[in-house]
Amino acid sequence: MKKLLFGVCACALAFSVLPAGAATTPALNAFDDAFAKVTDYTVTVKAHEVKGDRVQDRTYHYFFKRPNWAKTDIVAGDGAGSGGVWKGGNVVKGHLRVAFITVGKTVDIHDGRATSLRGYTIPDGLLQNEVDKFKDIKGELTQRDGGEVDGTPTDEIDLKVADPATNDNITRAVLYLSKATHFPVKQVRYEGDKEVANETFSDLKTNVGLTQNDFPF
């Protein structure tokens, strides 16, 4: 279902380019440091996806608790009122609100009923996993000042993907990370010149005290 950071100091270059296969940048390292202090979080994700001539717009409310508990509720757009829970592994328990009763069904994590239009799963949409893709996928990785995104000063991480065929046909992905919190505020993915996925992350709350009861499975 559905799919960090140091500002560049005055003595540094305005941006840096790392060779293909490079694993990180200062901004990605800053996210790792910030995320290490987080036990749980909630965040709102507004996602726009395109696949062929199909378009999907959704707003998700995400919940995460260490080590690997995640829940999404689709609060607006395609599939509104449904969602799912993941506790690691290869299955998701979906839920659909019908007349104030939650009806659940367990399905494979890649089942079309549990993914977004482009096949992104619940764990794919977790903030830490979104960031890790920029470290794990081989390509040319660039960090530069990202300007403001919805009033938030950002660093921009730009990944030109070396092998799109094994990465959802994505040729380029751009991640914008808050200079203040070091967490993502926006991500855009491209197939060539065509934007095929756009996500904005807002209302992030960390260490809110989620419990296992918040992830009914």
N, C-alpha and C. Protein backbone atom coordinates (compact mmCIF):
# COMPACT_ATOMS: atom_id res chain seq x y z
N MET A 1 0.86 -1.18 0.00
CA MET A 1 0.00 0.00 0.00
C MET A 1 0.90 1.22 0.00
N LYS A 2 0.18 1.86 -0.20
CA LYS A 2 0.86 3.04 0.09
C LYS A 2 0.06 3.75 0.84
N LYS A 3 4.21 5.00 -1.71
CA LYS A 3 4.70 4.95 -1.80
C LYS A 3 4.55 6.38 -2.01
N LEU A 4 17.78 14.91 5.88
CA LEU A 4 17.86 14.12 6.60
C LEU A 4 18.84 14.93 7.03
N LEU A 5 20.44 15.61 8.10
CA LEU A 5 21.06 16.25 6.90
C LEU A 5 21.96 17.39 7.34
N PHE A 6 22.97 17.53 6.73
CA PHE A 6 23.84 18.64 7.01
C PHE A 6 23.66 19.67 5.91
N GLY A 7 23.55 20.95 6.27
CA GLY A 7 23.67 21.98 5.26
C GLY A 7 25.12 22.01 4.83
N VAL A 8 25.40 22.44 3.61
CA VAL A 8 26.78 22.50 3.13
C VAL A 8 27.45 23.69 3.77
N CYS A 9 28.58 23.47 4.45
CA CYS A 9 29.23 24.56 5.15
C CYS A 9 29.91 25.49 4.16
N ALA A 10 30.23 26.68 4.65
CA ALA A 10 30.75 27.72 3.76
C ALA A 10 32.07 27.31 3.13
N CYS A 11 32.79 26.42 3.80
CA CYS A 11 34.09 26.04 3.26
C CYS A 11 34.01 24.86 2.31
N ALA A 12 32.80 24.31 2.14
CA ALA A 12 32.64 23.13 1.30
C ALA A 12 32.16 23.53 -0.09
N LEU A 13 32.15 22.53 -0.98
CA LEU A 13 31.60 22.75 -2.31
C LEU A 13 30.10 22.92 -2.21
N ALA A 14 29.51 23.59 -3.18
CA ALA A 14 28.06 23.79 -3.18
C ALA A 14 27.33 22.47 -3.29
N PHE A 15 27.92 21.51 -3.94
CA PHE A 15 27.32 20.17 -4.00
C PHE A 15 28.44 19.18 -4.21
N SER A 16 28.12 17.91 -3.99
CA SER A 16 29.11 16.86 -4.18
C SER A 16 28.51 15.73 -4.98
N VAL A 17 29.31 15.12 -5.82
CA VAL A 17 28.88 13.99 -6.63
C VAL A 17 29.72 12.78 -6.25
N LEU A 18 29.04 11.69 -5.92
CA LEU A 18 29.74 10.47 -5.55
C LEU A 18 29.69 9.49 -6.71
N PRO A 19 30.69 8.64 -6.84
CA PRO A 19 30.72 7.70 -7.96
C PRO A 19 29.64 6.64 -7.86
N ALA A 20 29.39 5.96 -8.99
CA ALA A 20 28.38 4.91 -9.03
C ALA A 20 28.62 3.90 -7.92
N GLY A 21 27.54 3.52 -7.23
CA GLY A 21 27.65 2.53 -6.18
C GLY A 21 28.00 3.12 -4.83
N ALA A 22 28.23 4.45 -4.74
CA ALA A 22 28.53 5.08 -3.46
C ALA A 22 27.35 4.88 -2.52
N ALA A 23 27.62 4.66 -1.23
CA ALA A 23 26.58 4.21 -0.32
C ALA A 23 25.87 5.34 0.41
N THR A 24 26.47 6.54 0.49
CA THR A 24 25.86 7.53 1.36
C THR A 24 26.34 8.94 1.01
N THR A 25 25.75 9.92 1.68
CA THR A 25 26.16 11.32 1.62
C THR A 25 26.05 11.88 3.03
N PRO A 26 26.58 13.07 3.31
CA PRO A 26 26.41 13.64 4.65
C PRO A 26 24.95 13.75 5.08
N ALA A 27 24.07 14.10 4.17
CA ALA A 27 22.65 14.24 4.52
C ALA A 27 22.04 12.90 4.90
N LEU A 28 22.40 11.85 4.19
CA LEU A 28 21.88 10.53 4.52
C LEU A 28 22.43 10.06 5.86
N ASN A 29 23.69 10.36 6.14
CA ASN A 29 24.27 10.02 7.44
C ASN A 29 23.54 10.74 8.56
N ALA A 30 23.16 11.99 8.31
CA ALA A 30 22.45 12.77 9.33
C ALA A 30 21.08 12.16 9.62
N PHE A 31 20.42 11.66 8.58
CA PHE A 31 19.15 10.97 8.81
C PHE A 31 19.38 9.76 9.71
N ASP A 32 20.40 8.94 9.40
CA ASP A 32 20.67 7.76 10.20
C ASP A 32 20.87 8.12 11.67
N ASP A 33 21.61 9.20 11.93
CA ASP A 33 21.84 9.64 13.30
C ASP A 33 20.53 10.05 13.98
N ALA A 34 19.69 10.76 13.24
CA ALA A 34 18.40 11.19 13.80
C ALA A 34 17.47 10.01 14.03
N PHE A 35 17.44 9.10 13.06
CA PHE A 35 16.52 7.96 13.17
C PHE A 35 16.92 7.01 14.30
N ALA A 36 18.21 6.95 14.60
CA ALA A 36 18.67 6.09 15.69
C ALA A 36 18.06 6.48 17.03
N LYS A 37 17.60 7.70 17.16
CA LYS A 37 17.01 8.19 18.41
C LYS A 37 15.49 8.00 18.45
N VAL A 38 14.93 7.40 17.40
CA VAL A 38 13.48 7.27 17.27
C VAL A 38 13.04 5.84 17.57
N THR A 39 12.05 5.70 18.44
CA THR A 39 11.48 4.39 18.73
C THR A 39 10.19 4.15 17.97
N ASP A 40 9.48 5.23 17.63
CA ASP A 40 8.26 5.11 16.85
C ASP A 40 7.96 6.45 16.21
N TYR A 41 7.06 6.44 15.22
CA TYR A 41 6.64 7.70 14.61
C TYR A 41 5.31 7.53 13.90
N THR A 42 4.67 8.67 13.66
CA THR A 42 3.51 8.74 12.76
C THR A 42 3.80 9.83 11.74
N VAL A 43 3.26 9.67 10.53
CA VAL A 43 3.50 10.65 9.48
C VAL A 43 2.37 10.54 8.45
N THR A 44 2.04 11.66 7.85
CA THR A 44 1.06 11.70 6.76
C THR A 44 1.80 11.74 5.44
N VAL A 45 1.39 10.87 4.52
CA VAL A 45 2.04 10.76 3.21
C VAL A 45 1.00 11.00 2.12
N LYS A 46 1.23 12.03 1.32
CA LYS A 46 0.38 12.30 0.17
C LYS A 46 1.10 11.79 -1.06
N ALA A 47 0.51 10.80 -1.74
CA ALA A 47 1.19 10.10 -2.82
C ALA A 47 0.43 10.21 -4.14
N HIS A 48 1.17 10.52 -5.18
CA HIS A 48 0.64 10.56 -6.55
C HIS A 48 1.48 9.60 -7.38
N GLU A 49 0.83 8.60 -8.01
CA GLU A 49 1.55 7.61 -8.81
C GLU A 49 0.92 7.48 -10.19
N VAL A 50 1.77 7.21 -11.16
CA VAL A 50 1.34 7.02 -12.54
C VAL A 50 1.94 5.72 -13.06
N LYS A 51 1.12 4.92 -13.73
CA LYS A 51 1.60 3.69 -14.37
C LYS A 51 0.86 3.54 -15.69
N GLY A 52 1.57 3.75 -16.80
CA GLY A 52 0.91 3.76 -18.10
C GLY A 52 -0.08 4.91 -18.16
N ASP A 53 -1.34 4.59 -18.47
CA ASP A 53 -2.35 5.65 -18.52
C ASP A 53 -3.19 5.70 -17.25
N ARG A 54 -2.76 4.99 -16.22
CA ARG A 54 -3.48 4.96 -14.95
C ARG A 54 -2.82 5.91 -13.95
N VAL A 55 -3.65 6.54 -13.12
CA VAL A 55 -3.18 7.48 -12.12
C VAL A 55 -3.83 7.14 -10.78
N GLN A 56 -3.05 7.23 -9.72
CA GLN A 56 -3.60 6.98 -8.38
C GLN A 56 -3.16 8.10 -7.44
N ASP A 57 -4.11 8.67 -6.72
CA ASP A 57 -3.83 9.68 -5.71
C ASP A 57 -4.37 9.18 -4.38
N ARG A 58 -3.50 9.18 -3.38
CA ARG A 58 -3.89 8.72 -2.06
C ARG A 58 -3.22 9.58 -0.99
N THR A 59 -3.88 9.66 0.17
CA THR A 59 -3.24 10.20 1.36
C THR A 59 -3.27 9.12 2.43
N TYR A 60 -2.08 8.78 2.91
CA TYR A 60 -1.92 7.74 3.93
C TYR A 60 -1.58 8.36 5.28
N HIS A 61 -2.01 7.70 6.33
CA HIS A 61 -1.47 7.98 7.66
C HIS A 61 -0.66 6.75 8.05
N TYR A 62 0.64 6.95 8.26
CA TYR A 62 1.56 5.85 8.57
C TYR A 62 1.87 5.84 10.06
N PHE A 63 1.98 4.62 10.60
CA PHE A 63 2.40 4.40 11.98
C PHE A 63 3.56 3.40 11.95
N PHE A 64 4.62 3.66 12.71
CA PHE A 64 5.74 2.73 12.78
C PHE A 64 6.24 2.62 14.21
N LYS A 65 6.57 1.38 14.62
CA LYS A 65 7.19 1.13 15.91
C LYS A 65 8.29 0.09 15.72
N ARG A 66 9.44 0.35 16.32
CA ARG A 66 10.51 -0.63 16.25
C ARG A 66 10.08 -1.94 16.90
N PRO A 67 10.55 -3.11 16.42
CA PRO A 67 11.55 -3.19 15.35
C PRO A 67 10.99 -3.15 13.93
N ASN A 68 9.77 -3.67 13.74
CA ASN A 68 9.28 -3.77 12.37
C ASN A 68 7.76 -3.80 12.30
N TRP A 69 7.10 -3.02 13.14
CA TRP A 69 5.64 -2.94 13.11
C TRP A 69 5.23 -1.71 12.33
N ALA A 70 4.32 -1.89 11.40
CA ALA A 70 3.87 -0.76 10.59
C ALA A 70 2.39 -0.90 10.30
N LYS A 71 1.73 0.25 10.20
CA LYS A 71 0.30 0.28 9.85
C LYS A 71 0.05 1.48 8.97
N THR A 72 -0.80 1.30 7.97
CA THR A 72 -1.24 2.42 7.15
C THR A 72 -2.76 2.49 7.14
N ASP A 73 -3.26 3.70 7.15
CA ASP A 73 -4.67 3.97 6.90
C ASP A 73 -4.74 4.89 5.69
N ILE A 74 -5.54 4.53 4.70
CA ILE A 74 -5.76 5.42 3.56
C ILE A 74 -6.87 6.37 3.96
N VAL A 75 -6.52 7.63 4.17
CA VAL A 75 -7.49 8.59 4.71
C VAL A 75 -8.14 9.44 3.64
N ALA A 76 -7.62 9.40 2.41
CA ALA A 76 -8.23 10.14 1.31
C ALA A 76 -7.78 9.53 -0.01
N GLY A 77 -8.62 9.68 -1.05
CA GLY A 77 -8.26 9.20 -2.37
C GLY A 77 -8.67 7.76 -2.61
N ASP A 78 -8.05 7.15 -3.61
CA ASP A 78 -8.36 5.79 -4.01
C ASP A 78 -8.18 4.82 -2.85
N GLY A 79 -9.25 4.10 -2.49
CA GLY A 79 -9.17 3.13 -1.40
C GLY A 79 -9.38 3.72 -0.03
N ALA A 80 -9.86 4.96 0.05
CA ALA A 80 -10.05 5.60 1.35
C ALA A 80 -10.91 4.73 2.26
N GLY A 81 -10.51 4.63 3.53
CA GLY A 81 -11.22 3.82 4.50
C GLY A 81 -10.60 2.47 4.72
N SER A 82 -9.63 2.10 3.88
CA SER A 82 -8.95 0.82 4.03
C SER A 82 -7.52 1.05 4.48
N GLY A 83 -6.82 -0.03 4.74
CA GLY A 83 -5.44 0.07 5.18
C GLY A 83 -4.89 -1.31 5.47
N GLY A 84 -3.78 -1.37 6.19
CA GLY A 84 -3.18 -2.65 6.47
C GLY A 84 -2.15 -2.56 7.58
N VAL A 85 -1.82 -3.73 8.14
CA VAL A 85 -0.82 -3.85 9.20
C VAL A 85 0.22 -4.87 8.77
N TRP A 86 1.48 -4.52 9.03
CA TRP A 86 2.61 -5.41 8.72
C TRP A 86 3.48 -5.53 9.95
N LYS A 87 3.89 -6.77 10.26
CA LYS A 87 4.75 -7.01 11.43
C LYS A 87 6.00 -7.77 11.02
N GLY A 88 6.54 -7.42 9.85
CA GLY A 88 7.67 -8.17 9.32
C GLY A 88 7.16 -9.36 8.53
N GLY A 89 8.06 -10.00 7.76
CA GLY A 89 7.64 -11.16 7.00
C GLY A 89 6.95 -10.82 5.71
N ASN A 90 6.19 -11.77 5.18
CA ASN A 90 5.66 -11.67 3.83
C ASN A 90 4.16 -11.53 3.75
N VAL A 91 3.51 -11.21 4.87
CA VAL A 91 2.06 -11.06 4.83
C VAL A 91 1.65 -9.72 5.45
N VAL A 92 0.48 -9.26 5.01
CA VAL A 92 -0.13 -8.04 5.50
C VAL A 92 -1.56 -8.37 5.89
N LYS A 93 -2.02 -7.81 6.99
CA LYS A 93 -3.44 -7.93 7.33
C LYS A 93 -4.13 -6.65 6.94
N GLY A 94 -4.99 -6.73 5.93
CA GLY A 94 -5.71 -5.56 5.46
C GLY A 94 -6.94 -5.31 6.30
N HIS A 95 -7.43 -4.08 6.24
CA HIS A 95 -8.67 -3.78 6.93
C HIS A 95 -9.49 -2.79 6.10
N LEU A 96 -10.78 -2.93 6.20
CA LEU A 96 -11.73 -2.08 5.48
C LEU A 96 -12.85 -1.73 6.43
N ARG A 97 -13.11 -0.44 6.55
CA ARG A 97 -14.17 0.01 7.44
C ARG A 97 -15.52 -0.09 6.72
N VAL A 98 -16.41 -0.92 7.26
CA VAL A 98 -17.74 -1.09 6.70
C VAL A 98 -18.75 -0.91 7.84
N ALA A 99 -19.53 0.15 7.74
CA ALA A 99 -20.56 0.42 8.76
C ALA A 99 -19.97 0.36 10.17
N PHE A 100 -18.81 1.00 10.35
CA PHE A 100 -18.13 1.11 11.64
C PHE A 100 -17.58 -0.21 12.15
N ILE A 101 -17.53 -1.24 11.29
CA ILE A 101 -16.93 -2.52 11.65
C ILE A 101 -15.70 -2.73 10.77
N THR A 102 -14.60 -3.17 11.39
CA THR A 102 -13.38 -3.41 10.63
C THR A 102 -13.35 -4.86 10.16
N VAL A 103 -13.32 -5.05 8.84
CA VAL A 103 -13.25 -6.38 8.26
C VAL A 103 -11.82 -6.63 7.82
N GLY A 104 -11.19 -7.71 8.28
CA GLY A 104 -9.78 -7.94 7.99
C GLY A 104 -9.56 -9.19 7.15
N LYS A 105 -8.47 -9.15 6.36
CA LYS A 105 -8.08 -10.31 5.55
C LYS A 105 -6.57 -10.29 5.42
N THR A 106 -5.93 -11.45 5.62
CA THR A 106 -4.49 -11.55 5.52
C THR A 106 -4.10 -11.97 4.11
N VAL A 107 -3.18 -11.22 3.49
CA VAL A 107 -2.76 -11.50 2.12
C VAL A 107 -1.25 -11.36 2.02
N ASP A 108 -0.69 -11.85 0.92
CA ASP A 108 0.74 -11.71 0.65
C ASP A 108 1.10 -10.23 0.55
N ILE A 109 2.29 -9.89 0.99
CA ILE A 109 2.70 -8.49 1.03
C ILE A 109 2.68 -7.83 -0.35
N HIS A 110 2.85 -8.65 -1.42
CA HIS A 110 2.85 -8.10 -2.77
C HIS A 110 1.50 -8.25 -3.49
N ASP A 111 0.51 -8.74 -2.78
CA ASP A 111 -0.83 -8.84 -3.35
C ASP A 111 -1.30 -7.45 -3.78
N GLY A 112 -1.94 -7.38 -4.94
CA GLY A 112 -2.39 -6.09 -5.46
C GLY A 112 -3.33 -5.34 -4.54
N ARG A 113 -4.01 -6.07 -3.66
CA ARG A 113 -4.91 -5.42 -2.70
C ARG A 113 -4.14 -4.76 -1.56
N ALA A 114 -2.85 -5.07 -1.45
CA ALA A 114 -2.05 -4.54 -0.34
C ALA A 114 -0.94 -3.60 -0.81
N THR A 115 -0.96 -3.25 -2.10
CA THR A 115 0.09 -2.39 -2.65
C THR A 115 -0.53 -1.18 -3.34
N SER A 116 0.33 -0.23 -3.65
CA SER A 116 -0.12 0.94 -4.41
C SER A 116 -0.15 0.60 -5.90
N LEU A 117 -0.53 1.57 -6.71
CA LEU A 117 -0.63 1.37 -8.15
C LEU A 117 0.67 0.81 -8.74
N ARG A 118 1.81 1.33 -8.31
CA ARG A 118 3.10 0.90 -8.85
C ARG A 118 3.67 -0.29 -8.08
N GLY A 119 2.88 -0.89 -7.20
CA GLY A 119 3.32 -2.09 -6.51
C GLY A 119 4.11 -1.86 -5.25
N TYR A 120 4.10 -0.63 -4.71
CA TYR A 120 4.84 -0.34 -3.50
C TYR A 120 4.10 -0.91 -2.30
N THR A 121 4.83 -1.54 -1.40
CA THR A 121 4.26 -2.21 -0.24
C THR A 121 4.28 -1.30 0.99
N ILE A 122 3.68 -1.78 2.07
CA ILE A 122 3.71 -1.01 3.32
C ILE A 122 5.14 -0.73 3.77
N PRO A 123 6.02 -1.75 3.87
CA PRO A 123 7.40 -1.43 4.29
C PRO A 123 8.15 -0.55 3.30
N ASP A 124 7.82 -0.63 2.01
CA ASP A 124 8.46 0.28 1.04
C ASP A 124 8.24 1.73 1.43
N GLY A 125 7.08 2.04 2.01
CA GLY A 125 6.72 3.41 2.31
C GLY A 125 7.24 3.93 3.64
N LEU A 126 7.87 3.07 4.44
CA LEU A 126 8.43 3.55 5.71
C LEU A 126 9.57 4.52 5.43
N LEU A 127 9.66 5.58 6.20
CA LEU A 127 10.64 6.64 5.93
C LEU A 127 12.06 6.09 5.87
N GLN A 128 12.42 5.22 6.81
CA GLN A 128 13.78 4.69 6.84
C GLN A 128 14.08 3.84 5.61
N ASN A 129 13.07 3.15 5.10
CA ASN A 129 13.29 2.33 3.90
C ASN A 129 13.36 3.19 2.65
N GLU A 130 12.58 4.27 2.61
CA GLU A 130 12.68 5.21 1.49
C GLU A 130 14.10 5.78 1.41
N VAL A 131 14.67 6.15 2.57
CA VAL A 131 16.02 6.70 2.59
C VAL A 131 17.05 5.65 2.21
N ASP A 132 16.88 4.43 2.73
CA ASP A 132 17.86 3.38 2.46
C ASP A 132 17.99 3.07 0.97
N LYS A 133 16.92 3.25 0.21
CA LYS A 133 17.00 2.99 -1.23
C LYS A 133 18.06 3.85 -1.90
N PHE A 134 18.24 5.06 -1.38
CA PHE A 134 19.23 5.96 -1.98
C PHE A 134 20.65 5.50 -1.65
N LYS A 135 20.81 4.69 -0.63
CA LYS A 135 22.11 4.13 -0.29
C LYS A 135 22.34 2.78 -0.95
N ASP A 136 21.26 2.05 -1.19
CA ASP A 136 21.38 0.68 -1.66
C ASP A 136 21.38 0.54 -3.18
N ILE A 137 20.65 1.41 -3.88
CA ILE A 137 20.53 1.31 -5.33
C ILE A 137 21.75 1.93 -6.00
N LYS A 138 22.38 1.20 -6.89
CA LYS A 138 23.58 1.70 -7.53
C LYS A 138 23.25 2.79 -8.54
N GLY A 139 24.12 3.80 -8.59
CA GLY A 139 23.94 4.90 -9.52
C GLY A 139 24.81 6.07 -9.12
N GLU A 140 24.56 7.20 -9.75
CA GLU A 140 25.29 8.43 -9.44
C GLU A 140 24.51 9.22 -8.41
N LEU A 141 25.13 9.42 -7.25
CA LEU A 141 24.46 10.05 -6.12
C LEU A 141 25.00 11.45 -5.91
N THR A 142 24.09 12.42 -5.87
CA THR A 142 24.48 13.83 -5.73
C THR A 142 23.75 14.47 -4.57
N GLN A 143 24.46 15.27 -3.78
CA GLN A 143 23.82 16.06 -2.72
C GLN A 143 24.04 17.54 -3.01
N ARG A 144 22.94 18.32 -2.86
CA ARG A 144 23.04 19.77 -3.02
C ARG A 144 21.97 20.43 -2.15
N ASP A 145 22.03 21.73 -2.03
CA ASP A 145 20.98 22.45 -1.32
C ASP A 145 19.67 22.29 -2.09
N GLY A 146 18.60 21.98 -1.37
CA GLY A 146 17.32 21.73 -2.03
C GLY A 146 16.35 22.88 -1.99
N GLY A 147 16.78 24.02 -1.41
CA GLY A 147 15.84 25.12 -1.28
C GLY A 147 14.74 24.78 -0.29
N GLU A 148 13.62 25.50 -0.37
CA GLU A 148 12.51 25.27 0.54
C GLU A 148 11.43 24.40 -0.11
N VAL A 149 10.93 23.46 0.64
CA VAL A 149 9.78 22.65 0.23
C VAL A 149 8.66 22.91 1.22
N ASP A 150 7.61 23.55 0.78
CA ASP A 150 6.50 23.94 1.66
C ASP A 150 7.01 24.70 2.88
N GLY A 151 7.97 25.59 2.64
CA GLY A 151 8.50 26.43 3.70
C GLY A 151 9.60 25.81 4.53
N THR A 152 9.97 24.56 4.23
CA THR A 152 11.01 23.87 4.99
C THR A 152 12.33 23.87 4.23
N PRO A 153 13.41 24.44 4.75
CA PRO A 153 14.71 24.37 4.10
C PRO A 153 15.17 22.91 4.01
N THR A 154 15.68 22.52 2.85
CA THR A 154 16.02 21.12 2.62
C THR A 154 17.39 20.93 2.00
N ASP A 155 17.89 19.70 2.12
CA ASP A 155 18.98 19.20 1.30
C ASP A 155 18.37 18.26 0.27
N GLU A 156 18.93 18.26 -0.92
CA GLU A 156 18.41 17.44 -2.01
C GLU A 156 19.40 16.32 -2.31
N ILE A 157 18.88 15.09 -2.34
CA ILE A 157 19.65 13.93 -2.74
C ILE A 157 19.12 13.45 -4.08
N ASP A 158 20.00 13.42 -5.08
CA ASP A 158 19.61 13.07 -6.44
C ASP A 158 20.32 11.78 -6.83
N LEU A 159 19.54 10.77 -7.20
CA LEU A 159 20.10 9.48 -7.61
C LEU A 159 19.74 9.20 -9.06
N LYS A 160 20.76 9.11 -9.90
CA LYS A 160 20.57 8.65 -11.28
C LYS A 160 20.83 7.16 -11.27
N VAL A 161 19.79 6.38 -11.51
CA VAL A 161 19.82 4.93 -11.32
C VAL A 161 20.62 4.25 -12.42
N ALA A 162 21.53 3.38 -12.04
CA ALA A 162 22.39 2.70 -13.01
C ALA A 162 21.64 1.66 -13.82
N ASP A 163 20.70 0.95 -13.19
CA ASP A 163 19.99 -0.14 -13.87
C ASP A 163 18.49 -0.02 -13.62
N PRO A 164 17.81 0.84 -14.39
CA PRO A 164 16.37 1.03 -14.17
C PRO A 164 15.56 -0.26 -14.31
N ALA A 165 16.00 -1.18 -15.17
CA ALA A 165 15.22 -2.39 -15.43
C ALA A 165 15.01 -3.22 -14.17
N THR A 166 15.92 -3.14 -13.24
CA THR A 166 15.78 -3.90 -12.00
C THR A 166 15.29 -3.02 -10.84
N ASN A 167 14.88 -1.81 -11.16
CA ASN A 167 14.43 -0.87 -10.13
C ASN A 167 13.15 -0.17 -10.55
N ASP A 168 12.13 -0.97 -10.92
CA ASP A 168 10.80 -0.44 -11.23
C ASP A 168 10.83 0.53 -12.41
N ASN A 169 11.84 0.39 -13.28
CA ASN A 169 12.02 1.26 -14.45
C ASN A 169 12.29 2.72 -14.07
N ILE A 170 12.63 2.96 -12.81
CA ILE A 170 12.95 4.32 -12.37
C ILE A 170 14.35 4.67 -12.85
N THR A 171 14.47 5.80 -13.55
CA THR A 171 15.76 6.25 -14.04
C THR A 171 16.40 7.27 -13.11
N ARG A 172 15.57 7.97 -12.33
CA ARG A 172 16.07 9.01 -11.43
C ARG A 172 15.12 9.16 -10.26
N ALA A 173 15.69 9.35 -9.07
CA ALA A 173 14.89 9.61 -7.88
C ALA A 173 15.51 10.78 -7.13
N VAL A 174 14.66 11.65 -6.61
CA VAL A 174 15.12 12.85 -5.90
C VAL A 174 14.43 12.89 -4.54
N LEU A 175 15.24 13.02 -3.49
CA LEU A 175 14.74 13.05 -2.12
C LEU A 175 15.11 14.38 -1.48
N TYR A 176 14.12 15.00 -0.84
CA TYR A 176 14.34 16.27 -0.15
C TYR A 176 14.24 16.02 1.36
N LEU A 177 15.27 16.42 2.10
CA LEU A 177 15.38 16.13 3.52
C LEU A 177 15.43 17.44 4.30
N SER A 178 14.65 17.51 5.36
CA SER A 178 14.63 18.72 6.18
C SER A 178 15.99 18.97 6.83
N LYS A 179 16.48 20.19 6.70
CA LYS A 179 17.73 20.54 7.37
C LYS A 179 17.57 20.56 8.89
N ALA A 180 16.34 20.75 9.37
CA ALA A 180 16.10 20.84 10.81
C ALA A 180 15.94 19.46 11.45
N THR A 181 15.10 18.60 10.85
CA THR A 181 14.82 17.30 11.47
C THR A 181 15.61 16.16 10.85
N HIS A 182 16.13 16.39 9.62
CA HIS A 182 16.87 15.38 8.87
C HIS A 182 15.98 14.26 8.34
N PHE A 183 14.66 14.44 8.39
CA PHE A 183 13.72 13.46 7.86
C PHE A 183 13.19 13.92 6.50
N PRO A 184 12.70 12.96 5.69
CA PRO A 184 12.20 13.32 4.35
C PRO A 184 10.98 14.23 4.42
N VAL A 185 10.91 15.16 3.47
CA VAL A 185 9.71 15.97 3.30
C VAL A 185 9.10 15.78 1.91
N LYS A 186 9.88 15.25 0.96
CA LYS A 186 9.36 15.03 -0.38
C LYS A 186 10.26 14.05 -1.13
N GLN A 187 9.65 13.28 -2.03
CA GLN A 187 10.40 12.41 -2.93
C GLN A 187 9.71 12.38 -4.29
N VAL A 188 10.50 12.42 -5.35
CA VAL A 188 9.97 12.36 -6.71
C VAL A 188 10.75 11.29 -7.48
N ARG A 189 10.04 10.45 -8.25
CA ARG A 189 10.67 9.43 -9.07
C ARG A 189 10.30 9.65 -10.54
N TYR A 190 11.24 9.32 -11.42
CA TYR A 190 11.06 9.56 -12.85
C TYR A 190 11.34 8.31 -13.66
N GLU A 191 10.60 8.18 -14.77
CA GLU A 191 10.97 7.28 -15.86
C GLU A 191 11.35 8.18 -17.02
N GLY A 192 12.66 8.32 -17.27
CA GLY A 192 13.10 9.30 -18.26
C GLY A 192 12.73 10.69 -17.79
N ASP A 193 12.02 11.43 -18.64
CA ASP A 193 11.59 12.78 -18.28
C ASP A 193 10.22 12.81 -17.61
N LYS A 194 9.58 11.65 -17.47
CA LYS A 194 8.21 11.59 -16.96
C LYS A 194 8.21 11.34 -15.46
N GLU A 195 7.53 12.21 -14.73
CA GLU A 195 7.36 12.01 -13.29
C GLU A 195 6.30 10.94 -13.06
N VAL A 196 6.67 9.85 -12.38
CA VAL A 196 5.73 8.75 -12.19
C VAL A 196 5.35 8.52 -10.73
N ALA A 197 6.04 9.18 -9.80
CA ALA A 197 5.68 9.07 -8.40
C ALA A 197 6.13 10.32 -7.67
N ASN A 198 5.23 10.85 -6.85
CA ASN A 198 5.53 12.06 -6.09
C ASN A 198 4.92 11.88 -4.70
N GLU A 199 5.75 11.96 -3.67
CA GLU A 199 5.29 11.80 -2.31
C GLU A 199 5.70 13.01 -1.48
N THR A 200 4.79 13.51 -0.66
CA THR A 200 5.14 14.53 0.32
C THR A 200 4.85 13.97 1.71
N PHE A 201 5.73 14.29 2.65
CA PHE A 201 5.65 13.77 4.01
C PHE A 201 5.43 14.95 4.96
N SER A 202 4.37 14.88 5.75
CA SER A 202 4.03 15.99 6.63
C SER A 202 3.53 15.48 7.98
N ASP A 203 3.41 16.42 8.92
CA ASP A 203 2.87 16.12 10.25
C ASP A 203 3.63 14.97 10.92
N LEU A 204 4.96 14.95 10.76
CA LEU A 204 5.78 13.91 11.39
C LEU A 204 5.81 14.11 12.90
N LYS A 205 5.53 13.02 13.62
CA LYS A 205 5.65 13.02 15.08
C LYS A 205 6.47 11.80 15.47
N THR A 206 7.50 12.02 16.28
CA THR A 206 8.38 10.92 16.68
C THR A 206 8.26 10.65 18.18
N ASN A 207 8.53 9.38 18.55
CA ASN A 207 8.52 8.97 19.96
C ASN A 207 7.22 9.36 20.65
N VAL A 208 6.12 8.93 20.01
CA VAL A 208 4.80 9.30 20.53
C VAL A 208 4.25 8.27 21.51
N GLY A 209 4.95 7.14 21.69
CA GLY A 209 4.51 6.14 22.65
C GLY A 209 3.57 5.09 22.09
N LEU A 210 3.72 4.75 20.82
CA LEU A 210 2.89 3.69 20.24
C LEU A 210 3.17 2.37 20.95
N THR A 211 2.14 1.52 21.05
CA THR A 211 2.27 0.21 21.66
C THR A 211 1.85 -0.86 20.67
N GLN A 212 2.06 -2.12 21.03
CA GLN A 212 1.69 -3.21 20.15
C GLN A 212 0.19 -3.19 19.85
N ASN A 213 -0.60 -2.67 20.77
CA ASN A 213 -2.04 -2.60 20.56
C ASN A 213 -2.43 -1.69 19.41
N ASP A 214 -1.51 -0.81 19.01
CA ASP A 214 -1.78 0.08 17.87
C ASP A 214 -1.62 -0.62 16.53
N PHE A 215 -1.19 -1.89 16.57
CA PHE A 215 -0.93 -2.65 15.34
C PHE A 215 -1.68 -3.98 15.38
N PRO A 216 -3.01 -3.93 15.40
CA PRO A 216 -3.81 -5.16 15.49
C PRO A 216 -3.61 -6.04 14.26
N PHE A 217 -3.31 -7.30 14.49
CA PHE A 217 -3.00 -8.19 13.36
C PHE A 217 -3.89 -9.43 13.45
